[in-house]
C-alpha cells in the first residue's frame, strides 16, 4: 500500500501544468494499479499491462488506437456495467 501511495505522490509532484483536469483521480488510479500489481506478485510486463488498462479506464487515452490493443473495447463495456 505504501508503494501505491508513493507512486501517487510522485505523479502529483511531477505534474506541472493545470489544464482543467483533476489529476488526483488519474494519479490515484495509477497508484492503486501499482499497489495491486505488487500485491498480486505481477512481473514488470504484467504491471505495465495493468497500468495500461488502468489508464484506458480512467482517462480515455487513445493509446489503444496506436497499439491496436483490445482495451479500446473494454472502456465501452465497462461503461455499460457500472451504473452512472
N, C-alpha and C. Protein backbone atom coordinates (compact mmCIF):
# COMPACT_ATOMS: atom_id res chain seq x y z
N UNK A 1 0.82 -1.18 0.00
CA UNK A 1 0.00 0.00 0.00
C UNK A 1 0.87 1.26 0.00
N UNK A 2 2.00 1.16 0.68
CA UNK A 2 2.91 2.30 0.71
C UNK A 2 3.42 2.61 -0.69
N UNK A 3 3.69 1.57 -1.47
CA UNK A 3 4.17 1.78 -2.83
C UNK A 3 3.14 2.54 -3.66
N UNK A 4 1.88 2.16 -3.55
CA UNK A 4 0.82 2.85 -4.29
C UNK A 4 0.72 4.32 -3.90
N UNK A 5 0.84 4.58 -2.59
CA UNK A 5 0.83 5.96 -2.10
C UNK A 5 2.01 6.74 -2.64
N UNK A 6 3.18 6.09 -2.63
CA UNK A 6 4.39 6.72 -3.12
C UNK A 6 4.27 7.08 -4.60
N UNK A 7 3.77 6.16 -5.39
CA UNK A 7 3.60 6.40 -6.83
C UNK A 7 2.62 7.55 -7.06
N UNK A 8 1.51 7.55 -6.31
CA UNK A 8 0.52 8.61 -6.45
C UNK A 8 1.14 9.97 -6.15
N UNK A 9 1.90 10.05 -5.07
CA UNK A 9 2.55 11.31 -4.69
C UNK A 9 3.60 11.74 -5.71
N UNK A 10 4.38 10.79 -6.20
CA UNK A 10 5.40 11.14 -7.20
C UNK A 10 4.78 11.65 -8.49
N UNK A 11 3.68 11.04 -8.90
CA UNK A 11 2.98 11.52 -10.09
C UNK A 11 2.45 12.94 -9.87
N UNK A 12 1.91 13.17 -8.69
CA UNK A 12 1.38 14.51 -8.38
C UNK A 12 2.49 15.55 -8.38
N UNK A 13 3.64 15.20 -7.82
CA UNK A 13 4.76 16.14 -7.79
C UNK A 13 5.33 16.39 -9.19
N UNK A 14 5.21 15.41 -10.07
CA UNK A 14 5.75 15.54 -11.42
C UNK A 14 4.82 16.32 -12.35
N UNK A 15 3.58 16.53 -11.94
CA UNK A 15 2.61 17.25 -12.75
C UNK A 15 2.84 18.74 -12.59
N UNK A 16 3.15 19.40 -13.69
CA UNK A 16 3.49 20.82 -13.65
C UNK A 16 2.31 21.72 -13.99
N UNK A 17 1.64 21.44 -15.07
CA UNK A 17 0.62 22.35 -15.57
C UNK A 17 -0.77 21.90 -15.14
N UNK A 18 -1.65 22.85 -15.03
CA UNK A 18 -3.05 22.57 -14.75
C UNK A 18 -3.85 22.96 -15.99
N UNK A 19 -4.40 21.96 -16.65
CA UNK A 19 -5.10 22.24 -17.91
C UNK A 19 -6.59 21.91 -17.80
N UNK A 20 -7.14 22.00 -16.60
CA UNK A 20 -8.56 21.73 -16.44
C UNK A 20 -8.87 20.30 -16.03
N UNK A 21 -7.85 19.48 -15.87
CA UNK A 21 -8.05 18.09 -15.44
C UNK A 21 -7.92 18.00 -13.93
N UNK A 22 -8.64 17.07 -13.33
CA UNK A 22 -8.46 16.74 -11.93
C UNK A 22 -7.48 15.58 -11.87
N UNK A 23 -6.24 15.91 -11.69
CA UNK A 23 -5.18 14.91 -11.76
C UNK A 23 -5.23 13.89 -10.62
N UNK A 24 -5.81 14.26 -9.50
CA UNK A 24 -5.81 13.34 -8.36
C UNK A 24 -6.50 12.03 -8.70
N UNK A 25 -7.55 12.07 -9.50
CA UNK A 25 -8.23 10.82 -9.86
C UNK A 25 -7.35 9.97 -10.77
N UNK A 26 -6.63 10.59 -11.68
CA UNK A 26 -5.74 9.84 -12.56
C UNK A 26 -4.58 9.26 -11.77
N UNK A 27 -3.95 10.08 -10.95
CA UNK A 27 -2.80 9.62 -10.16
C UNK A 27 -3.22 8.52 -9.20
N UNK A 28 -4.37 8.66 -8.58
CA UNK A 28 -4.84 7.66 -7.63
C UNK A 28 -5.07 6.31 -8.26
N UNK A 29 -5.67 6.30 -9.44
CA UNK A 29 -5.93 5.03 -10.13
C UNK A 29 -4.62 4.35 -10.53
N UNK A 30 -3.66 5.11 -11.01
CA UNK A 30 -2.38 4.52 -11.40
C UNK A 30 -1.62 4.02 -10.17
N UNK A 31 -1.65 4.78 -9.08
CA UNK A 31 -1.02 4.32 -7.84
C UNK A 31 -1.65 3.05 -7.31
N UNK A 32 -2.98 2.98 -7.41
CA UNK A 32 -3.70 1.79 -6.97
C UNK A 32 -3.35 0.59 -7.85
N UNK A 33 -3.22 0.81 -9.14
CA UNK A 33 -2.85 -0.28 -10.05
C UNK A 33 -1.47 -0.84 -9.70
N UNK A 34 -0.53 0.04 -9.38
CA UNK A 34 0.82 -0.41 -8.99
C UNK A 34 0.77 -1.19 -7.68
N UNK A 35 0.01 -0.68 -6.71
CA UNK A 35 -0.10 -1.38 -5.42
C UNK A 35 -0.73 -2.76 -5.60
N UNK A 36 -1.78 -2.84 -6.40
CA UNK A 36 -2.43 -4.14 -6.63
C UNK A 36 -1.51 -5.09 -7.39
N UNK A 37 -0.76 -4.55 -8.34
CA UNK A 37 0.18 -5.39 -9.07
C UNK A 37 1.21 -5.99 -8.13
N UNK A 38 1.68 -5.20 -7.18
CA UNK A 38 2.66 -5.69 -6.21
C UNK A 38 2.03 -6.77 -5.33
N UNK A 39 0.80 -6.51 -4.85
CA UNK A 39 0.11 -7.49 -4.00
C UNK A 39 -0.15 -8.80 -4.73
N UNK A 40 -0.40 -8.71 -6.02
CA UNK A 40 -0.65 -9.91 -6.83
C UNK A 40 0.63 -10.59 -7.31
N UNK A 41 1.77 -9.95 -7.07
CA UNK A 41 3.05 -10.53 -7.48
C UNK A 41 3.28 -10.48 -8.98
N UNK A 42 2.75 -9.47 -9.65
CA UNK A 42 2.92 -9.37 -11.10
C UNK A 42 4.36 -8.99 -11.45
N UNK A 43 4.83 -9.47 -12.59
CA UNK A 43 6.16 -9.08 -13.05
C UNK A 43 6.08 -7.73 -13.75
N UNK A 44 7.20 -7.24 -14.26
CA UNK A 44 7.24 -5.91 -14.86
C UNK A 44 6.31 -5.80 -16.07
N UNK A 45 6.29 -6.81 -16.91
CA UNK A 45 5.42 -6.79 -18.08
C UNK A 45 3.95 -6.79 -17.72
N UNK A 46 3.60 -7.62 -16.76
CA UNK A 46 2.21 -7.68 -16.31
C UNK A 46 1.79 -6.37 -15.64
N UNK A 47 2.73 -5.78 -14.89
CA UNK A 47 2.44 -4.49 -14.25
C UNK A 47 2.23 -3.41 -15.29
N UNK A 48 3.02 -3.43 -16.35
CA UNK A 48 2.84 -2.46 -17.44
C UNK A 48 1.46 -2.62 -18.07
N UNK A 49 1.02 -3.86 -18.26
CA UNK A 49 -0.31 -4.10 -18.81
C UNK A 49 -1.39 -3.59 -17.86
N UNK A 50 -1.20 -3.84 -16.56
CA UNK A 50 -2.18 -3.35 -15.57
C UNK A 50 -2.27 -1.83 -15.59
N UNK A 51 -1.12 -1.17 -15.72
CA UNK A 51 -1.11 0.29 -15.79
C UNK A 51 -1.80 0.78 -17.08
N UNK A 52 -1.58 0.08 -18.17
CA UNK A 52 -2.23 0.45 -19.43
C UNK A 52 -3.74 0.32 -19.35
N UNK A 53 -4.20 -0.75 -18.73
CA UNK A 53 -5.65 -0.94 -18.57
C UNK A 53 -6.21 0.13 -17.65
N UNK A 54 -5.51 0.41 -16.55
CA UNK A 54 -5.96 1.45 -15.63
C UNK A 54 -6.04 2.81 -16.34
N UNK A 55 -5.03 3.13 -17.12
CA UNK A 55 -5.02 4.40 -17.85
C UNK A 55 -6.18 4.48 -18.83
N UNK A 56 -6.45 3.38 -19.52
CA UNK A 56 -7.53 3.41 -20.50
C UNK A 56 -8.88 3.60 -19.83
N UNK A 57 -9.03 3.11 -18.61
CA UNK A 57 -10.31 3.25 -17.92
C UNK A 57 -10.48 4.61 -17.27
N UNK A 58 -9.39 5.21 -16.82
CA UNK A 58 -9.51 6.48 -16.10
C UNK A 58 -9.51 7.69 -17.02
N UNK A 59 -8.78 7.62 -18.12
CA UNK A 59 -8.61 8.83 -18.90
C UNK A 59 -9.10 8.79 -20.32
N UNK A 60 -9.52 7.65 -20.79
CA UNK A 60 -9.95 7.57 -22.17
C UNK A 60 -8.82 7.84 -23.15
N UNK A 61 -7.63 7.39 -22.82
CA UNK A 61 -6.48 7.61 -23.70
C UNK A 61 -6.70 6.97 -25.07
N UNK A 62 -6.05 7.50 -26.07
CA UNK A 62 -6.17 6.98 -27.42
C UNK A 62 -5.03 6.01 -27.75
N UNK A 63 -4.25 5.64 -26.75
CA UNK A 63 -3.12 4.74 -26.97
C UNK A 63 -3.55 3.39 -27.58
N UNK A 64 -4.70 2.82 -27.20
CA UNK A 64 -5.10 1.56 -27.84
C UNK A 64 -5.24 1.65 -29.35
N UNK A 65 -5.54 2.83 -29.86
CA UNK A 65 -5.64 3.00 -31.30
C UNK A 65 -4.27 2.88 -31.96
N UNK A 66 -3.24 3.35 -31.27
CA UNK A 66 -1.88 3.28 -31.78
C UNK A 66 -1.37 1.84 -31.74
N UNK A 67 -1.62 1.18 -30.61
CA UNK A 67 -1.09 -0.17 -30.40
C UNK A 67 -2.02 -1.27 -30.90
N UNK A 68 -3.22 -0.89 -31.33
CA UNK A 68 -4.20 -1.87 -31.79
C UNK A 68 -4.54 -2.89 -30.71
N UNK A 69 -4.66 -2.42 -29.47
CA UNK A 69 -4.99 -3.32 -28.36
C UNK A 69 -6.50 -3.39 -28.15
N UNK A 70 -6.92 -4.38 -27.39
CA UNK A 70 -8.35 -4.59 -27.18
C UNK A 70 -8.91 -3.75 -26.04
N UNK A 71 -8.07 -2.98 -25.35
CA UNK A 71 -8.60 -2.16 -24.26
C UNK A 71 -9.55 -1.08 -24.76
N UNK A 72 -9.50 -0.76 -26.04
CA UNK A 72 -10.46 0.21 -26.59
C UNK A 72 -11.88 -0.29 -26.38
N UNK A 73 -12.09 -1.56 -26.55
CA UNK A 73 -13.42 -2.14 -26.38
C UNK A 73 -13.79 -2.29 -24.91
N UNK A 74 -12.80 -2.39 -24.05
CA UNK A 74 -13.04 -2.54 -22.62
C UNK A 74 -13.77 -1.32 -22.04
N UNK A 75 -13.37 -0.13 -22.45
CA UNK A 75 -14.00 1.09 -21.94
C UNK A 75 -15.49 1.14 -22.21
N UNK A 76 -15.87 0.80 -23.41
CA UNK A 76 -17.29 0.78 -23.75
C UNK A 76 -18.06 -0.26 -22.96
N UNK A 77 -17.45 -1.40 -22.75
CA UNK A 77 -18.09 -2.45 -21.98
C UNK A 77 -18.26 -2.08 -20.52
N UNK A 78 -17.23 -1.49 -19.94
CA UNK A 78 -17.29 -1.09 -18.53
C UNK A 78 -18.35 0.00 -18.36
N UNK A 79 -18.48 0.90 -19.31
CA UNK A 79 -19.45 1.98 -19.17
C UNK A 79 -20.88 1.45 -19.12
N UNK A 80 -21.08 0.27 -19.65
CA UNK A 80 -22.42 -0.32 -19.63
C UNK A 80 -22.66 -1.17 -18.39
N UNK A 81 -21.61 -1.48 -17.66
CA UNK A 81 -21.71 -2.31 -16.46
C UNK A 81 -21.84 -1.46 -15.21
N UNK A 82 -21.08 -0.38 -15.14
CA UNK A 82 -21.06 0.46 -13.96
C UNK A 82 -22.20 1.46 -14.04
N UNK A 83 -23.08 1.47 -13.04
CA UNK A 83 -24.19 2.43 -13.08
C UNK A 83 -23.71 3.86 -12.96
N UNK A 84 -24.42 4.81 -13.58
CA UNK A 84 -24.00 6.22 -13.52
C UNK A 84 -24.14 6.80 -12.12
